[in-house]
């Protein structure tokens, strides 16, 4: 069989699995948003961690001692996120949810593009940029409170009430995941009948263990990713390539039945 024939056969197999889903779960990583112009963290040539040591700019310890380094690193990334629009991968996943195959979408991304594309019940296990919390008085504010000034000047945002540094509610290295969101993600993984993994290298714990939980409880596993993952050998179908092409093709196959 040619490469085209193999891909077509794999797409058909994946579509058959998706059509049987009644309690499906989607798990996404940074690779879903790279076609929107948002850099990922671990790609060999373009990943953010190729240019920066994450423990120096994006760890909880670094934030406590040098918040200026975090905000200097975050500023161009946030500008990319604000410019970005959902890409065909986001819209295909939202359409699969709206068709009733997938009830929950678990994402490692903090860009909000899934919601903008129409996805529902999105569990943001690495937090969100929508709000920020004061590191002194713990008051929480909408990010729009300081976003414009921060993007314009790069100045570290401070709490209007007490002057403490405002920390965006995203998960840094050395920080626990939001527990209610994480509990919901674990429950979804344990009870799903199909898990569709898209754009994730499955290298970041504890999220990387969710597919193991799903498989252990009998779920079928479909992986759509540019590079290999540790779960490939346990997956029912692996589609290797650009998620912005493969996910719309999968949606088309699902709808063709």
C-alpha atoms as a PDB file:
ATOM      1  CA  UNK A   1       0.000   0.000   0.000  1.00  0.00           C
ATOM      2  CA  UNK A   2       1.162   3.544  -0.693  1.00  0.00           C
ATOM      3  CA  UNK A   3       1.546   6.128   2.041  1.00  0.00           C
ATOM      4  CA  UNK A   4      -1.703   7.768   0.896  1.00  0.00           C
ATOM      5  CA  UNK A   5      -3.564   4.451   1.062  1.00  0.00           C
ATOM      6  CA  UNK A   6      -2.203   3.735   4.543  1.00  0.00           C
ATOM      7  CA  UNK A   7      -3.299   7.144   5.802  1.00  0.00           C
ATOM      8  CA  UNK A   8      -6.751   6.694   4.284  1.00  0.00           C
ATOM      9  CA  UNK A   9      -7.093   3.296   5.952  1.00  0.00           C
ATOM     10  CA  UNK A  10      -6.006   4.700   9.308  1.00  0.00           C
ATOM     11  CA  UNK A  11      -8.424   7.615   8.980  1.00  0.00           C
ATOM     12  CA  UNK A  12     -11.254   5.207   8.226  1.00  0.00           C
ATOM     13  CA  UNK A  13     -10.320   3.081  11.239  1.00  0.00           C
ATOM     14  CA  UNK A  14     -10.131   6.129  13.507  1.00  0.00           C
ATOM     15  CA  UNK A  15     -13.482   7.395  12.211  1.00  0.00           C
ATOM     16  CA  UNK A  16     -15.107   4.057  12.996  1.00  0.00           C
ATOM     17  CA  UNK A  17     -13.811   4.246  16.574  1.00  0.00           C
ATOM     18  CA  UNK A  18     -15.045   7.842  16.982  1.00  0.00           C
ATOM     19  CA  UNK A  19     -18.504   6.968  15.652  1.00  0.00           C
ATOM     20  CA  UNK A  20     -18.830   4.368  18.402  1.00  0.00           C
ATOM     21  CA  UNK A  21     -17.952   6.848  21.149  1.00  0.00           C
ATOM     22  CA  UNK A  22     -20.634   7.610  23.699  1.00  0.00           C
ATOM     23  CA  UNK A  23     -18.464   9.052  26.470  1.00  0.00           C
ATOM     24  CA  UNK A  24     -15.500  10.282  24.449  1.00  0.00           C
ATOM     25  CA  UNK A  25     -12.757  12.527  25.815  1.00  0.00           C
ATOM     26  CA  UNK A  26     -10.349  14.720  23.853  1.00  0.00           C
ATOM     27  CA  UNK A  27      -6.886  15.469  25.231  1.00  0.00           C
ATOM     28  CA  UNK A  28      -4.907  18.254  23.543  1.00  0.00           C
ATOM     29  CA  UNK A  29      -1.474  19.796  23.846  1.00  0.00           C
ATOM     30  CA  UNK A  30       0.496  22.654  22.345  1.00  0.00           C
ATOM     31  CA  UNK A  31       0.633  21.020  18.908  1.00  0.00           C
ATOM     32  CA  UNK A  32      -3.024  21.916  18.341  1.00  0.00           C
ATOM     33  CA  UNK A  33      -2.185  25.617  18.623  1.00  0.00           C
ATOM     34  CA  UNK A  34       1.106  25.761  16.704  1.00  0.00           C
ATOM     35  CA  UNK A  35      -0.782  26.065  13.368  1.00  0.00           C
ATOM     36  CA  UNK A  36      -2.320  29.229  14.867  1.00  0.00           C
ATOM     37  CA  UNK A  37       1.146  30.740  15.288  1.00  0.00           C
ATOM     38  CA  UNK A  38       1.654  29.962  18.967  1.00  0.00           C
ATOM     39  CA  UNK A  39       5.043  28.303  19.566  1.00  0.00           C
ATOM     40  CA  UNK A  40       5.152  25.090  21.536  1.00  0.00           C
ATOM     41  CA  UNK A  41       7.620  24.324  24.283  1.00  0.00           C
ATOM     42  CA  UNK A  42       9.559  21.232  23.254  1.00  0.00           C
ATOM     43  CA  UNK A  43       9.994  21.163  19.466  1.00  0.00           C
ATOM     44  CA  UNK A  44      13.609  20.558  18.560  1.00  0.00           C
ATOM     45  CA  UNK A  45      14.155  23.734  16.550  1.00  0.00           C
ATOM     46  CA  UNK A  46      11.379  26.125  17.546  1.00  0.00           C
ATOM     47  CA  UNK A  47      10.321  25.141  21.074  1.00  0.00           C
ATOM     48  CA  UNK A  48      10.379  27.822  23.733  1.00  0.00           C
ATOM     49  CA  UNK A  49      12.576  25.720  25.989  1.00  0.00           C
ATOM     50  CA  UNK A  50      15.265  25.734  23.290  1.00  0.00           C
ATOM     51  CA  UNK A  51      15.740  29.434  24.035  1.00  0.00           C
ATOM     52  CA  UNK A  52      14.970  29.657  27.747  1.00  0.00           C
ATOM     53  CA  UNK A  53      15.588  27.558  30.833  1.00  0.00           C
ATOM     54  CA  UNK A  54      12.065  26.944  32.160  1.00  0.00           C
ATOM     55  CA  UNK A  55      13.293  26.793  35.756  1.00  0.00           C
ATOM     56  CA  UNK A  56      14.657  30.326  35.422  1.00  0.00           C
ATOM     57  CA  UNK A  57      11.620  31.968  33.841  1.00  0.00           C
ATOM     58  CA  UNK A  58       8.566  29.753  34.377  1.00  0.00           C
ATOM     59  CA  UNK A  59       8.920  28.005  37.728  1.00  0.00           C
ATOM     60  CA  UNK A  60       7.086  28.969  40.890  1.00  0.00           C
ATOM     61  CA  UNK A  61      10.392  29.545  42.693  1.00  0.00           C
ATOM     62  CA  UNK A  62      11.653  31.828  39.923  1.00  0.00           C
ATOM     63  CA  UNK A  63       8.385  33.776  39.945  1.00  0.00           C
ATOM     64  CA  UNK A  64       8.602  34.366  43.689  1.00  0.00           C
ATOM     65  CA  UNK A  65      12.148  35.713  43.516  1.00  0.00           C
ATOM     66  CA  UNK A  66      12.250  37.295  40.045  1.00  0.00           C
ATOM     67  CA  UNK A  67       8.727  37.969  38.722  1.00  0.00           C
ATOM     68  CA  UNK A  68      10.239  40.438  36.260  1.00  0.00           C
ATOM     69  CA  UNK A  69      11.941  37.558  34.428  1.00  0.00           C
ATOM     70  CA  UNK A  70       8.651  35.699  34.089  1.00  0.00           C
ATOM     71  CA  UNK A  71       6.785  38.721  32.769  1.00  0.00           C
ATOM     72  CA  UNK A  72       9.590  39.572  30.333  1.00  0.00           C
ATOM     73  CA  UNK A  73       9.478  36.008  28.989  1.00  0.00           C
ATOM     74  CA  UNK A  74       5.681  35.868  28.941  1.00  0.00           C
ATOM     75  CA  UNK A  75       5.081  39.127  27.096  1.00  0.00           C
ATOM     76  CA  UNK A  76       5.909  38.020  23.500  1.00  0.00           C
ATOM     77  CA  UNK A  77       4.135  34.691  24.065  1.00  0.00           C
ATOM     78  CA  UNK A  78       1.028  36.476  25.286  1.00  0.00           C
ATOM     79  CA  UNK A  79       1.164  38.785  22.260  1.00  0.00           C
ATOM     80  CA  UNK A  80       1.227  35.703  20.020  1.00  0.00           C
ATOM     81  CA  UNK A  81      -1.761  34.256  21.865  1.00  0.00           C
ATOM     82  CA  UNK A  82      -3.804  37.440  21.564  1.00  0.00           C
ATOM     83  CA  UNK A  83      -3.108  37.632  17.830  1.00  0.00           C
ATOM     84  CA  UNK A  84      -3.912  33.970  17.250  1.00  0.00           C
ATOM     85  CA  UNK A  85      -7.152  32.657  15.797  1.00  0.00           C
ATOM     86  CA  UNK A  86      -8.532  29.115  16.066  1.00  0.00           C
ATOM     87  CA  UNK A  87      -7.259  26.887  13.261  1.00  0.00           C
ATOM     88  CA  UNK A  88      -8.968  23.970  11.445  1.00  0.00           C
ATOM     89  CA  UNK A  89      -7.878  21.543  14.184  1.00  0.00           C
ATOM     90  CA  UNK A  90      -9.747  23.553  16.844  1.00  0.00           C
ATOM     91  CA  UNK A  91     -12.869  23.751  14.698  1.00  0.00           C
ATOM     92  CA  UNK A  92     -12.788  20.041  13.850  1.00  0.00           C
ATOM     93  CA  UNK A  93     -12.564  19.092  17.520  1.00  0.00           C
ATOM     94  CA  UNK A  94     -15.412  21.466  18.381  1.00  0.00           C
ATOM     95  CA  UNK A  95     -17.534  19.910  15.624  1.00  0.00           C
ATOM     96  CA  UNK A  96     -16.842  16.400  16.943  1.00  0.00           C
ATOM     97  CA  UNK A  97     -17.974  17.585  20.380  1.00  0.00           C
ATOM     98  CA  UNK A  98     -21.093  19.236  19.008  1.00  0.00           C
ATOM     99  CA  UNK A  99     -21.956  16.012  17.184  1.00  0.00           C
ATOM    100  CA  UNK A 100     -22.072  14.265  20.558  1.00  0.00           C
ATOM    101  CA  UNK A 101     -19.048  11.968  20.318  1.00  0.00           C
ATOM    102  CA  UNK A 102     -16.942  13.759  22.929  1.00  0.00           C
ATOM    103  CA  UNK A 103     -18.400  15.242  26.094  1.00  0.00           C
ATOM    104  CA  UNK A 104     -15.176  16.618  27.577  1.00  0.00           C
ATOM    105  CA  UNK A 105     -12.065  18.298  26.223  1.00  0.00           C
ATOM    106  CA  UNK A 106      -8.982  18.277  28.452  1.00  0.00           C
ATOM    107  CA  UNK A 107      -6.288  20.709  27.366  1.00  0.00           C
ATOM    108  CA  UNK A 108      -2.787  21.611  28.470  1.00  0.00           C
ATOM    109  CA  UNK A 109      -3.106  24.884  26.550  1.00  0.00           C
ATOM    110  CA  UNK A 110      -3.766  28.267  28.137  1.00  0.00           C
ATOM    111  CA  UNK A 111      -4.673  30.211  24.985  1.00  0.00           C
ATOM    112  CA  UNK A 112      -8.472  29.813  25.082  1.00  0.00           C
ATOM    113  CA  UNK A 113      -8.652  28.886  21.389  1.00  0.00           C
ATOM    114  CA  UNK A 114     -10.751  25.769  21.991  1.00  0.00           C
ATOM    115  CA  UNK A 115     -13.491  27.836  23.587  1.00  0.00           C
ATOM    116  CA  UNK A 116     -13.342  30.415  20.814  1.00  0.00           C
ATOM    117  CA  UNK A 117     -13.768  27.616  18.260  1.00  0.00           C
ATOM    118  CA  UNK A 118     -16.919  26.417  20.034  1.00  0.00           C
ATOM    119  CA  UNK A 119     -15.721  23.616  22.304  1.00  0.00           C
ATOM    120  CA  UNK A 120     -17.622  23.047  25.552  1.00  0.00           C
ATOM    121  CA  UNK A 121     -16.704  21.544  28.931  1.00  0.00           C
ATOM    122  CA  UNK A 122     -13.077  22.464  28.427  1.00  0.00           C
ATOM    123  CA  UNK A 123     -10.885  21.429  31.374  1.00  0.00           C
ATOM    124  CA  UNK A 124      -7.815  23.679  31.404  1.00  0.00           C
ATOM    125  CA  UNK A 125      -5.508  21.544  33.540  1.00  0.00           C
ATOM    126  CA  UNK A 126      -2.605  24.000  33.245  1.00  0.00           C
ATOM    127  CA  UNK A 127      -4.736  26.987  34.192  1.00  0.00           C
ATOM    128  CA  UNK A 128      -5.914  30.029  32.312  1.00  0.00           C
ATOM    129  CA  UNK A 129      -4.782  33.545  31.500  1.00  0.00           C
ATOM    130  CA  UNK A 130      -8.274  34.887  32.138  1.00  0.00           C
ATOM    131  CA  UNK A 131      -7.522  35.828  35.751  1.00  0.00           C
ATOM    132  CA  UNK A 132      -4.589  36.691  38.025  1.00  0.00           C
ATOM    133  CA  UNK A 133      -4.208  36.419  41.789  1.00  0.00           C
ATOM    134  CA  UNK A 134      -2.291  38.687  44.162  1.00  0.00           C
ATOM    135  CA  UNK A 135       0.623  36.874  45.785  1.00  0.00           C
ATOM    136  CA  UNK A 136       0.111  38.852  49.025  1.00  0.00           C
ATOM    137  CA  UNK A 137      -3.606  39.307  49.687  1.00  0.00           C
ATOM    138  CA  UNK A 138      -4.853  36.577  47.291  1.00  0.00           C
ATOM    139  CA  UNK A 139      -7.446  38.823  45.686  1.00  0.00           C
ATOM    140  CA  UNK A 140      -8.277  37.606  42.169  1.00  0.00           C
ATOM    141  CA  UNK A 141      -8.723  40.003  39.243  1.00  0.00           C
ATOM    142  CA  UNK A 142      -9.701  39.652  35.592  1.00  0.00           C
ATOM    143  CA  UNK A 143      -6.533  39.868  33.515  1.00  0.00           C
ATOM    144  CA  UNK A 144      -8.025  42.751  31.559  1.00  0.00           C
ATOM    145  CA  UNK A 145      -7.408  44.814  34.711  1.00  0.00           C
ATOM    146  CA  UNK A 146      -3.698  45.026  33.898  1.00  0.00           C
ATOM    147  CA  UNK A 147      -3.299  43.474  30.435  1.00  0.00           C
ATOM    148  CA  UNK A 148      -3.199  46.635  28.324  1.00  0.00           C
ATOM    149  CA  UNK A 149      -0.617  48.380  30.503  1.00  0.00           C
ATOM    150  CA  UNK A 150       1.523  45.247  30.775  1.00  0.00           C
ATOM    151  CA  UNK A 151       1.598  44.658  27.029  1.00  0.00           C
ATOM    152  CA  UNK A 152       2.369  48.312  26.373  1.00  0.00           C
ATOM    153  CA  UNK A 153       5.190  48.718  28.883  1.00  0.00           C
ATOM    154  CA  UNK A 154       6.208  45.255  30.083  1.00  0.00           C
ATOM    155  CA  UNK A 155       5.868  46.448  33.672  1.00  0.00           C
ATOM    156  CA  UNK A 156       5.166  43.823  36.339  1.00  0.00           C
ATOM    157  CA  UNK A 157       1.458  44.093  37.286  1.00  0.00           C
ATOM    158  CA  UNK A 158       0.613  44.836  40.917  1.00  0.00           C
ATOM    159  CA  UNK A 159      -2.500  44.418  43.029  1.00  0.00           C
ATOM    160  CA  UNK A 160      -4.638  47.596  43.157  1.00  0.00           C
ATOM    161  CA  UNK A 161      -5.518  46.826  46.792  1.00  0.00           C
ATOM    162  CA  UNK A 162      -2.208  45.981  48.454  1.00  0.00           C
ATOM    163  CA  UNK A 163       0.517  46.401  45.859  1.00  0.00           C
ATOM    164  CA  UNK A 164       1.506  42.718  45.744  1.00  0.00           C
ATOM    165  CA  UNK A 165       2.619  41.137  42.484  1.00  0.00           C
ATOM    166  CA  UNK A 166      -0.218  39.669  40.437  1.00  0.00           C
ATOM    167  CA  UNK A 167       0.398  36.121  39.236  1.00  0.00           C
ATOM    168  CA  UNK A 168      -1.576  34.900  36.197  1.00  0.00           C
ATOM    169  CA  UNK A 169      -3.537  31.782  37.097  1.00  0.00           C
ATOM    170  CA  UNK A 170      -1.473  29.459  34.944  1.00  0.00           C
ATOM    171  CA  UNK A 171       0.458  26.490  36.310  1.00  0.00           C
ATOM    172  CA  UNK A 172       4.194  27.038  36.630  1.00  0.00           C
ATOM    173  CA  UNK A 173       6.871  24.404  37.160  1.00  0.00           C
ATOM    174  CA  UNK A 174       6.779  23.258  40.776  1.00  0.00           C
ATOM    175  CA  UNK A 175       3.134  24.280  41.180  1.00  0.00           C
ATOM    176  CA  UNK A 176       0.160  21.998  41.709  1.00  0.00           C
ATOM    177  CA  UNK A 177      -2.541  21.715  39.094  1.00  0.00           C
ATOM    178  CA  UNK A 178      -5.948  23.259  39.948  1.00  0.00           C
ATOM    179  CA  UNK A 179      -7.337  20.378  41.957  1.00  0.00           C
ATOM    180  CA  UNK A 180     -11.021  20.559  40.993  1.00  0.00           C
ATOM    181  CA  UNK A 181     -10.137  20.699  37.302  1.00  0.00           C
ATOM    182  CA  UNK A 182      -7.633  17.871  37.696  1.00  0.00           C
ATOM    183  CA  UNK A 183     -10.123  15.675  39.560  1.00  0.00           C
ATOM    184  CA  UNK A 184     -12.643  16.222  36.764  1.00  0.00           C
ATOM    185  CA  UNK A 185      -9.981  15.328  34.175  1.00  0.00           C
ATOM    186  CA  UNK A 186      -9.071  12.108  36.007  1.00  0.00           C
ATOM    187  CA  UNK A 187     -12.738  11.143  36.298  1.00  0.00           C
ATOM    188  CA  UNK A 188     -13.275  11.810  32.585  1.00  0.00           C
ATOM    189  CA  UNK A 189     -10.260   9.644  31.707  1.00  0.00           C
ATOM    190  CA  UNK A 190     -11.443   6.786  33.937  1.00  0.00           C
ATOM    191  CA  UNK A 191     -14.976   6.742  32.518  1.00  0.00           C
ATOM    192  CA  UNK A 192     -14.475   7.490  28.820  1.00  0.00           C
ATOM    193  CA  UNK A 193     -14.888   4.866  26.107  1.00  0.00           C
ATOM    194  CA  UNK A 194     -12.685   6.677  23.555  1.00  0.00           C
ATOM    195  CA  UNK A 195      -9.800   9.079  24.119  1.00  0.00           C
ATOM    196  CA  UNK A 196      -8.671  11.180  21.168  1.00  0.00           C
ATOM    197  CA  UNK A 197      -5.209  12.646  21.830  1.00  0.00           C
ATOM    198  CA  UNK A 198      -4.241  15.537  19.559  1.00  0.00           C
ATOM    199  CA  UNK A 199      -1.088  17.642  19.408  1.00  0.00           C
ATOM    200  CA  UNK A 200       0.492  16.386  22.608  1.00  0.00           C
ATOM    201  CA  UNK A 201       3.906  14.794  23.048  1.00  0.00           C
ATOM    202  CA  UNK A 202       2.633  13.241  26.311  1.00  0.00           C
ATOM    203  CA  UNK A 203       5.839  14.213  28.070  1.00  0.00           C
ATOM    204  CA  UNK A 204       4.445  16.403  30.847  1.00  0.00           C
ATOM    205  CA  UNK A 205       3.243  14.742  34.028  1.00  0.00           C
ATOM    206  CA  UNK A 206       0.736  14.232  35.483  1.00  0.00           C
ATOM    207  CA  UNK A 207      -1.323  14.857  32.310  1.00  0.00           C
ATOM    208  CA  UNK A 208       0.728  12.270  30.426  1.00  0.00           C
ATOM    209  CA  UNK A 209      -0.704   9.478  32.561  1.00  0.00           C
ATOM    210  CA  UNK A 210      -4.351  10.207  31.633  1.00  0.00           C
ATOM    211  CA  UNK A 211      -4.226   8.029  28.481  1.00  0.00           C
ATOM    212  CA  UNK A 212      -2.921   5.129  30.580  1.00  0.00           C
ATOM    213  CA  UNK A 213      -5.905   5.533  32.916  1.00  0.00           C
ATOM    214  CA  UNK A 214      -8.273   5.598  29.953  1.00  0.00           C
ATOM    215  CA  UNK A 215      -6.730   2.501  28.352  1.00  0.00           C
ATOM    216  CA  UNK A 216      -6.652   0.668  31.693  1.00  0.00           C
ATOM    217  CA  UNK A 217     -10.404   1.138  31.971  1.00  0.00           C
ATOM    218  CA  UNK A 218     -11.058  -0.154  28.464  1.00  0.00           C
ATOM    219  CA  UNK A 219     -11.118   3.010  26.360  1.00  0.00           C
ATOM    220  CA  UNK A 220      -9.979   2.970  22.741  1.00  0.00           C
ATOM    221  CA  UNK A 221      -7.052   5.337  22.104  1.00  0.00           C
ATOM    222  CA  UNK A 222      -6.621   7.413  18.942  1.00  0.00           C
ATOM    223  CA  UNK A 223      -3.516   9.600  18.649  1.00  0.00           C
ATOM    224  CA  UNK A 224      -3.067  12.436  16.137  1.00  0.00           C
ATOM    225  CA  UNK A 225       0.367  13.996  16.499  1.00  0.00           C
ATOM    226  CA  UNK A 226       3.387  15.153  14.516  1.00  0.00           C
ATOM    227  CA  UNK A 227       5.911  13.135  16.539  1.00  0.00           C
ATOM    228  CA  UNK A 228       5.907   9.767  18.349  1.00  0.00           C
ATOM    229  CA  UNK A 229       4.587   9.429  21.905  1.00  0.00           C
ATOM    230  CA  UNK A 230       5.110   6.757  24.531  1.00  0.00           C
ATOM    231  CA  UNK A 231       1.454   5.675  24.059  1.00  0.00           C
ATOM    232  CA  UNK A 232       1.767   4.872  20.347  1.00  0.00           C
ATOM    233  CA  UNK A 233       2.331   1.151  20.972  1.00  0.00           C
ATOM    234  CA  UNK A 234      -0.805   0.977  23.115  1.00  0.00           C
ATOM    235  CA  UNK A 235      -2.998   3.077  20.824  1.00  0.00           C
ATOM    236  CA  UNK A 236      -5.654   1.600  18.552  1.00  0.00           C
ATOM    237  CA  UNK A 237      -4.824   4.101  15.798  1.00  0.00           C
ATOM    238  CA  UNK A 238      -1.935   6.528  15.384  1.00  0.00           C
ATOM    239  CA  UNK A 239      -2.163   9.276  12.747  1.00  0.00           C
ATOM    240  CA  UNK A 240       1.163  10.971  12.238  1.00  0.00           C
ATOM    241  CA  UNK A 241       1.172  14.452  10.731  1.00  0.00           C
ATOM    242  CA  UNK A 242      -0.261  17.957  10.883  1.00  0.00           C
ATOM    243  CA  UNK A 243      -3.291  18.145  13.170  1.00  0.00           C
ATOM    244  CA  UNK A 244      -4.701  21.049  11.147  1.00  0.00           C
ATOM    245  CA  UNK A 245      -5.009  18.673   8.178  1.00  0.00           C
ATOM    246  CA  UNK A 246      -5.654  15.338   9.852  1.00  0.00           C
ATOM    247  CA  UNK A 247      -8.386  16.383  12.291  1.00  0.00           C
ATOM    248  CA  UNK A 248     -10.596  17.974   9.598  1.00  0.00           C
ATOM    249  CA  UNK A 249     -10.013  14.840   7.498  1.00  0.00           C
ATOM    250  CA  UNK A 250     -11.069  12.697  10.463  1.00  0.00           C
ATOM    251  CA  UNK A 251     -14.200  14.822  10.929  1.00  0.00           C
ATOM    252  CA  UNK A 252     -15.035  14.378   7.235  1.00  0.00           C
ATOM    253  CA  UNK A 253     -14.663  10.607   7.557  1.00  0.00           C
ATOM    254  CA  UNK A 254     -16.853  10.523  10.640  1.00  0.00           C
ATOM    255  CA  UNK A 255     -19.552  12.546   8.888  1.00  0.00           C
ATOM    256  CA  UNK A 256     -19.359  10.423   5.728  1.00  0.00           C
ATOM    257  CA  UNK A 257     -21.019   7.410   7.313  1.00  0.00           C
END
